[in-house]
Each structure stands twice: as C-alpha cells, then as structure tokens.
Amino acid sequence: MQTSSTLQADFDQIALLSGDGWDHNAHYHQYLLRHVPAHCEAALDVGCGLGTFSRLLARRAGHVVALDLSPRMIELAKERSKQYPNIQYQVADAMQWGTGGERFDYVVSIAMLHHVGAEELLSRMAGLLKGGGTLAILDLYASSGLTDVLRGMVALPASLVLRLIKTGRLRPRPEVRAAWEEHGRHDTYPTVAEVRRVCERVLPGASVRQHLLFRYSIIWRKPA
C-alpha cells in the first residue's frame, strides 16, 4: 500500500494531465449504474477523481457525496460539475472519513481499493450503507493461472480497438502514459481469488465478477 502523501502527489500530477475521456474504468460505468437502487436518495463515491462517474450518478441520486484524496482532482471535479448542485465534493482520506452511521443507499468505489487496506475499507463502506443499500466496487486484479493469461491475450487487442474507437488513439498521450507508469510502479493488485476470500469475511453473499478489460467488480446488497 502507498502512503496517503504519495497517493495525493501522484494524483495531483495525473489530474493536470487527464481529461474525461474513455478509459477501462469508464467502459464499465453503465454496468455500475445498473446497480443503483431505483429510489436512491443519497450516494457516496469513494475516490471520485475528476468526478466523471459522480456526474453520472447525480442523475440517478438525490444527493451525491464524492471524496478524493487529491485536492487538485477535487478542484477540477468541481469546475466540471457546476451544473450538478446535488454533488458535494470533499478532499478526504476514505480510511478516516465517515462516522455518520448508515446513511447512503449506494456506495461506489472505482480503481481505489488496491491503494488501501481492502478489508478495512470494504468494512467502512458497508457500515455507511442503509439496510437494503448497494455497495459497488470496480478495481484491477493480478493475473493468476492459465485462464487469466488467456483472458489477457484476448483483452489486450480488445482494449486497443476500443480505445481507438472511443478516443481516436491506440495509446494515451506520452505525458499521460508516463504519469500513470510512474504511479503504477508502486501499485500491487490482488488476484480474484484473494478478492473472493476477503468478501467471504466482510461481505457475505457478495457477487464477485471478473471482467474482460483487466477489471473485477464486487456487488453487495446489505441485508435490510
């Protein structure tokens, strides 16, 4: 796990270079939105970045609280969300935020979990859900075994084709790629089997699904 100060510095730099364009995470936004409860009064986006998903979520929820450790990310997210008065952005460390009890109908986190203690953060997010509420996670996994290797062989060309269609480029701009590569030197990812074991302990009954573009998802509905 990286320190909070390292993460903040990395994402402050990435914020200066990144736009709201397509990426592997954005490819699964509609999948995550399908799990927003029908009558969602309050939602929480943990690790919101530039607010791309927060803005989509604000169309489905009465109020959205969006957290990120990077002040620069939050600054830009606010600038891009002026037409969404129902989003409340906060600079916050998710591992220390949230003692207000069960108050959200939907809690989501995208590409955030691998940066922190997964079991602790999942427990914290589950504790913020109302009974009957939904927790949705999208994150990256480490390949393990032949099946994952074969899946990666299919995913790589699919990723390139999708990026070309969505952005007109086969790869991100060099400066963006360099910033992500520098950040990625410190990243470690769990295997899907490890994710399943954590969910068995913390989120019994959760659905863990492996997706093509190097991602997995967790969907869990809190007992009413």
Protein backbone atom coordinates (compact mmCIF):
# COMPACT_ATOMS: atom_id res chain seq x y z
CA MET A 1 0.00 0.00 0.00
CA GLN A 2 1.15 3.52 -0.77
CA THR A 3 1.16 6.30 1.80
CA SER A 4 -1.54 8.96 1.63
CA SER A 5 1.03 11.64 0.80
CA THR A 6 2.42 9.59 -2.12
CA LEU A 7 -1.06 8.92 -3.48
CA GLN A 8 -2.00 12.58 -3.19
CA ALA A 9 1.13 13.71 -5.02
CA ASP A 10 0.65 11.13 -7.78
CA PHE A 11 -2.97 12.04 -8.42
CA ASP A 12 -2.40 15.78 -8.18
CA GLN A 13 0.04 15.30 -11.08
CA ILE A 14 -2.29 12.98 -13.01
CA ALA A 15 -5.15 15.46 -12.58
CA LEU A 16 -3.21 18.09 -14.51
CA LEU A 17 -2.87 15.75 -17.50
CA SER A 18 -6.10 13.76 -17.58
CA GLY A 19 -9.40 14.53 -19.19
CA ASP A 20 -12.83 12.92 -19.04
CA GLY A 21 -12.10 10.68 -21.99
CA TRP A 22 -12.67 6.95 -22.30
CA ASP A 23 -10.60 4.51 -20.28
CA HIS A 24 -11.01 0.97 -18.98
CA ASN A 25 -12.93 2.17 -15.94
CA ALA A 26 -15.35 4.28 -17.99
CA HIS A 27 -16.14 1.20 -20.07
CA TYR A 28 -17.88 -0.26 -17.01
CA HIS A 29 -19.72 2.84 -15.79
CA GLN A 30 -23.05 1.70 -17.23
CA TYR A 31 -22.63 -1.67 -15.54
CA LEU A 32 -22.16 0.07 -12.18
CA LEU A 33 -25.11 2.38 -12.80
CA ARG A 34 -27.40 -0.62 -13.35
CA HIS A 35 -26.95 -1.44 -9.67
CA VAL A 36 -28.06 1.96 -8.33
CA PRO A 37 -31.27 1.41 -6.33
CA ALA A 38 -34.45 2.63 -8.01
CA HIS A 39 -35.14 5.27 -5.34
CA CYS A 40 -31.67 6.44 -4.40
CA GLU A 41 -31.77 9.41 -2.05
CA ALA A 42 -28.08 9.52 -1.10
CA ALA A 43 -24.98 8.07 -2.77
CA LEU A 44 -21.27 8.06 -1.92
CA ASP A 45 -18.43 7.93 -4.49
CA VAL A 46 -15.14 6.97 -2.81
CA GLY A 47 -12.08 8.01 -4.81
CA CYS A 48 -14.08 10.10 -7.27
CA GLY A 49 -11.14 11.53 -9.23
CA LEU A 50 -12.33 14.12 -11.74
CA GLY A 51 -15.95 13.33 -10.94
CA THR A 52 -16.80 11.56 -14.19
CA PHE A 53 -18.83 8.83 -12.52
CA SER A 54 -20.12 11.20 -9.82
CA ARG A 55 -21.84 13.26 -12.52
CA LEU A 56 -23.50 10.16 -13.98
CA LEU A 57 -24.55 9.12 -10.50
CA ALA A 58 -26.01 12.56 -9.78
CA ARG A 59 -28.62 11.90 -12.48
CA ARG A 60 -29.83 8.86 -10.54
CA ALA A 61 -29.47 10.00 -6.92
CA GLY A 62 -30.95 12.87 -4.96
CA HIS A 63 -27.60 13.75 -3.39
CA VAL A 64 -24.04 12.55 -4.06
CA VAL A 65 -21.07 12.89 -1.72
CA ALA A 66 -17.82 12.47 -3.68
CA LEU A 67 -14.46 12.01 -1.93
CA ASP A 68 -10.89 12.11 -3.17
CA LEU A 69 -7.51 12.43 -1.50
CA SER A 70 -6.19 14.75 -4.22
CA PRO A 71 -7.06 18.47 -3.80
CA ARG A 72 -6.31 19.03 -7.48
CA MET A 73 -8.70 16.28 -8.53
CA ILE A 74 -11.44 17.78 -6.38
CA GLU A 75 -10.76 21.29 -7.69
CA LEU A 76 -11.14 20.14 -11.29
CA ALA A 77 -14.15 17.94 -10.46
CA LYS A 78 -15.94 20.96 -9.00
CA GLU A 79 -15.16 23.03 -12.09
CA ARG A 80 -16.63 20.33 -14.34
CA SER A 81 -19.72 19.78 -12.19
CA LYS A 82 -21.19 23.27 -11.88
CA GLN A 83 -24.45 22.09 -13.45
CA TYR A 84 -24.80 19.43 -10.74
CA PRO A 85 -25.70 21.20 -7.49
CA ASN A 86 -26.55 17.86 -5.87
CA ILE A 87 -22.88 16.77 -5.79
CA GLN A 88 -20.88 17.60 -2.67
CA TYR A 89 -17.14 17.18 -3.29
CA GLN A 90 -14.74 16.75 -0.38
CA VAL A 91 -10.98 16.33 -0.08
CA ALA A 92 -10.81 13.38 2.28
CA ASP A 93 -8.96 10.20 3.17
CA ALA A 94 -11.51 7.41 2.82
CA MET A 95 -9.81 5.41 5.56
CA GLN A 96 -10.55 8.17 8.06
CA TRP A 97 -13.81 9.57 6.72
CA GLY A 98 -17.32 8.57 7.60
CA THR A 99 -18.60 8.19 11.13
CA GLY A 100 -22.14 9.30 10.46
CA GLY A 101 -23.77 5.88 10.53
CA GLU A 102 -25.88 4.15 7.91
CA ARG A 103 -26.94 6.97 5.59
CA PHE A 104 -26.30 6.01 1.95
CA ASP A 105 -28.43 3.96 -0.44
CA TYR A 106 -25.49 3.36 -2.79
CA VAL A 107 -21.74 3.40 -2.19
CA VAL A 108 -19.32 3.03 -5.08
CA SER A 109 -15.54 2.96 -5.48
CA ILE A 110 -13.67 2.75 -8.79
CA ALA A 111 -9.98 1.78 -9.01
CA MET A 112 -9.43 2.77 -5.40
CA LEU A 113 -9.46 -0.39 -3.34
CA HIS A 114 -6.00 -1.64 -4.33
CA HIS A 115 -4.44 1.52 -2.87
CA VAL A 116 -5.56 0.80 0.69
CA GLY A 117 -6.35 -2.00 3.13
CA ALA A 118 -9.15 -3.65 1.16
CA GLU A 119 -10.77 -5.44 4.07
CA GLU A 120 -10.83 -2.35 6.28
CA LEU A 121 -12.18 -0.05 3.56
CA LEU A 122 -14.86 -2.53 2.49
CA SER A 123 -15.98 -2.77 6.13
CA ARG A 124 -16.10 1.02 6.43
CA MET A 125 -18.11 1.41 3.23
CA ALA A 126 -20.51 -1.36 4.21
CA GLY A 127 -21.05 0.39 7.53
CA LEU A 128 -22.15 3.57 5.72
CA LEU A 129 -24.90 1.78 3.79
CA LYS A 130 -28.52 1.80 4.83
CA GLY A 131 -30.19 -1.58 5.16
CA GLY A 132 -31.07 -2.73 1.66
CA GLY A 133 -28.46 -0.42 0.13
CA THR A 134 -25.92 -1.48 -2.50
CA LEU A 135 -22.11 -1.44 -2.48
CA ALA A 136 -20.43 -1.47 -5.92
CA ILE A 137 -16.68 -1.85 -6.47
CA LEU A 138 -14.67 -1.81 -9.69
CA ASP A 139 -10.93 -2.42 -9.49
CA LEU A 140 -7.93 -4.11 -11.10
CA TYR A 141 -6.74 -7.64 -10.46
CA ALA A 142 -3.47 -9.54 -10.84
CA SER A 143 -3.40 -12.45 -13.27
CA SER A 144 -3.18 -15.88 -11.71
CA GLY A 145 -3.04 -19.07 -13.72
CA LEU A 146 -3.53 -20.02 -17.35
CA THR A 147 -7.12 -18.83 -17.58
CA ASP A 148 -6.11 -15.28 -16.66
CA VAL A 149 -3.23 -15.39 -19.14
CA LEU A 150 -5.59 -16.43 -21.93
CA ARG A 151 -8.11 -13.79 -20.86
CA GLY A 152 -5.35 -11.17 -21.06
CA MET A 153 -4.43 -12.29 -24.57
CA VAL A 154 -7.99 -11.55 -25.63
CA ALA A 155 -8.30 -8.38 -23.56
CA LEU A 156 -5.25 -6.59 -24.97
CA PRO A 157 -6.38 -6.34 -28.61
CA ALA A 158 -9.95 -5.63 -27.48
CA SER A 159 -8.63 -2.79 -25.32
CA LEU A 160 -6.67 -1.29 -28.21
CA VAL A 161 -9.63 -1.43 -30.59
CA LEU A 162 -11.98 0.12 -28.03
CA ARG A 163 -9.51 2.90 -27.25
CA LEU A 164 -9.10 3.67 -30.94
CA ILE A 165 -12.87 3.80 -31.45
CA LYS A 166 -13.53 5.91 -28.34
CA THR A 167 -10.54 8.28 -28.43
CA GLY A 168 -9.02 8.06 -31.90
CA ARG A 169 -5.75 6.88 -30.36
CA LEU A 170 -4.24 3.46 -29.70
CA ARG A 171 -2.45 4.73 -26.60
CA PRO A 172 -2.80 7.70 -24.21
CA ARG A 173 -0.65 10.77 -24.82
CA PRO A 174 3.01 10.17 -23.84
CA GLU A 175 2.90 12.51 -20.85
CA VAL A 176 -0.27 10.87 -19.52
CA ARG A 177 1.21 7.42 -20.02
CA ALA A 178 4.40 8.44 -18.23
CA ALA A 179 2.47 9.78 -15.22
CA TRP A 180 0.43 6.59 -14.90
CA GLU A 181 3.51 4.40 -15.34
CA GLU A 182 5.31 6.30 -12.59
CA HIS A 183 2.30 5.90 -10.31
CA GLY A 184 1.95 2.24 -11.25
CA ARG A 185 5.46 1.40 -10.06
CA HIS A 186 4.06 1.36 -6.52
CA ASP A 187 0.81 -0.46 -7.26
CA THR A 188 0.06 -4.04 -6.28
CA TYR A 189 -3.15 -5.85 -7.16
CA PRO A 190 -4.94 -8.83 -5.62
CA THR A 191 -5.91 -11.94 -7.51
CA VAL A 192 -9.63 -12.52 -7.97
CA ALA A 193 -9.36 -15.48 -5.60
CA GLU A 194 -7.98 -13.17 -2.92
CA VAL A 195 -10.84 -10.74 -3.52
CA ARG A 196 -13.36 -13.54 -3.08
CA ARG A 197 -11.78 -14.58 0.23
CA VAL A 198 -11.96 -11.00 1.56
CA CYS A 199 -15.61 -10.77 0.54
CA GLU A 200 -16.41 -14.03 2.30
CA ARG A 201 -15.17 -12.46 5.51
CA VAL A 202 -16.55 -8.93 5.12
CA LEU A 203 -19.40 -9.04 2.56
CA PRO A 204 -21.01 -12.48 2.77
CA GLY A 205 -23.10 -13.21 -0.29
CA ALA A 206 -21.37 -10.59 -2.48
CA SER A 207 -21.18 -11.18 -6.21
CA VAL A 208 -17.56 -11.02 -7.45
CA ARG A 209 -17.29 -10.91 -11.23
CA GLN A 210 -14.19 -10.93 -13.43
CA HIS A 211 -14.42 -8.62 -16.45
CA LEU A 212 -12.52 -8.69 -19.72
CA LEU A 213 -10.61 -5.40 -19.54
CA PHE A 214 -8.38 -6.32 -16.58
CA ARG A 215 -11.08 -5.43 -14.04
CA TYR A 216 -13.22 -7.17 -11.45
CA SER A 217 -16.39 -5.99 -9.73
CA ILE A 218 -18.00 -6.57 -6.36
CA ILE A 219 -21.74 -6.04 -5.97
CA TRP A 220 -23.21 -6.48 -2.49
CA ARG A 221 -26.64 -5.67 -1.14
CA LYS A 222 -26.76 -5.02 2.58
CA PRO A 223 -29.45 -7.01 4.39
CA ALA A 224 -32.46 -4.88 5.20
